[in-house]
Amino acid sequence: MDNIIPRVVLAGTNSDCGKTTISCAIQQALVNRKLKVGAFKCGPDYIDPMFHRQIIGAKSANLDLFFFQENVLKYLLAKNGTDRDISIIEGVMGFYDGMGLTTTNASTYEVSQVTQSPVVLVVGAKGASLSILATIQGFLGFCPDNQIKGVILNQCSSKIYSVLAQEIQKRFSNKVRPLGFMPVLPECSLESRHLGLVAAAEVQGLREKLQILAAQAEQSIDLDGILEIAMNAPKISYQAIQLPRRQEPVRIAVARDQAFCFYYEDSLDALKEMGAELISFSPLSDRELPPNIQGLYLGGGYPELYARQLSENTTMRVSIKAALERGLPCIAESGGFMYLTDSIGEIPMIGYLPGKSFDTGKLTRFGYIRLRANEDNMLCKAGEEIAAHEFHRWDSEYLGNSFTAVKASGKSWGCVHATDRLYAGYPHLHFYSNPDFAVNFYKTCLKEKQHYD
């Protein structure tokens, strides 16, 4: 299949060059123009897409070449970008930075190559002038097949930009064009945003910051130039991913509140495409699970920040434990897994799984892994694999041993509590990494429904 998806990759020279701030500024400015904006994030990050959806209002998804085969990645880009006027694909780390120190594997560069997407490079300009041109030249020459079409200078004054823009046109006129700058706006820093977006005042504050950034983008960034580059992107060619459709419907409860908010939306969409009705509920404020459900999904989030409130909601804890003891099919990832253990710190939780969750004070087992099943379980047969990701500071006394996690370095460990009705562990899954896992979860929910019909 071929599809026209106006798109541009917003890449950075490094992690702290300001690409997230500029990406958000551009997205908000285009939304303010009444355009339908698609937002994509390279890599496994589920936080920035949540930010794009909840605060900017842009439809958002992940593009990750560790999780996805090339065709799957192109399919998800087309699927989520089809009805958008423009899609902004925000990069991860520096443009060429991949999974290892000396490889471009799973990098923003590789995503741009696979999707044939034009690139706009964000260059940090603080404390530099002519060296900025050397940086641009270096990025253009490092991999000559790059698709860098323009540059934006961050933390740059209008006076310096006017001079450098002329020099960029002079030196790189046949390769890239200057597309504007963003000055220093300390009052709009997004570096320490509380991504749980838990209080109305915090949400309002973020929206006000983004409106200031959007207004600045209208003044100092060539939004029309970015739209032109995006409109000239070639068609996306892909094979559609066929999931079992229109199966007998099932109802799956999905925890959605300040404590549980980390989900890959494409994973949830996969369940809906197969016929699931997803019922949102709050372990913080609802008294019990929704009625007449055949499955439960407890995603990641910030349960440690709301441990006391979760613990005090005893009717919900009793409701979930009783449902699991009856055999309700359940996926519990990271924070959801912690919720099922005996306690978070010293604060009692559901107690369906043994052990205490505790704060390590640092990121623990952070990064990409491959999960291989050690035994048959709800999601797969023994020996089957899926790409996964861990991102957490907390750990638990009993990680489980139903799967073996393996990093690219070769380091491995046992993890996950899994049965014919349960997946519970720190690794986050994306169903499009191995759609059979989604299909098997759905089939288990169907069995639950048929058992009570």
Foldseek 3Di string as FASTA:
>chain_A
DWAQFQEEEEFEQFAPLCSLVLVLLLLLLVVVVVFQEAEEEQDDDLLSQLCCCPQSNHHYFYQWQVLFPLQLSLQVSCVRRRPGLYYYYYFHTGQQDDPDPPHSRRGVQVVCVSQVHAYEYEGECPPHAVVSVVSVVCVCPVDVVGRHAEYEYEQDDPVRCVVVQVVCCVPPVVHYHYFFYYHDDPQLDPPPQPSLCADPVSSVSNNVSSVVSNVRCVVTGNSVVSSVSSSPRGIRDHDHDDDQAPDDEFEEEEEDHSQAPRDRVVQVVSLVRRHYDYHYDHLQPDLATDPRHQAYEGHGHHCVVVLQSSLVSVSHLVRVLVCVVVQRFYEAAASRLQQCEQGAVPRGHSHSHYWYKYFQPDWDPFFKWKKAFCADFQQGHHGDIGIWGATDRIDTPDFAARIWIADPVGDIDGGFDGHSRYTHHHTDGRCNSPVSSSVSSSVSSVVSNVVVD
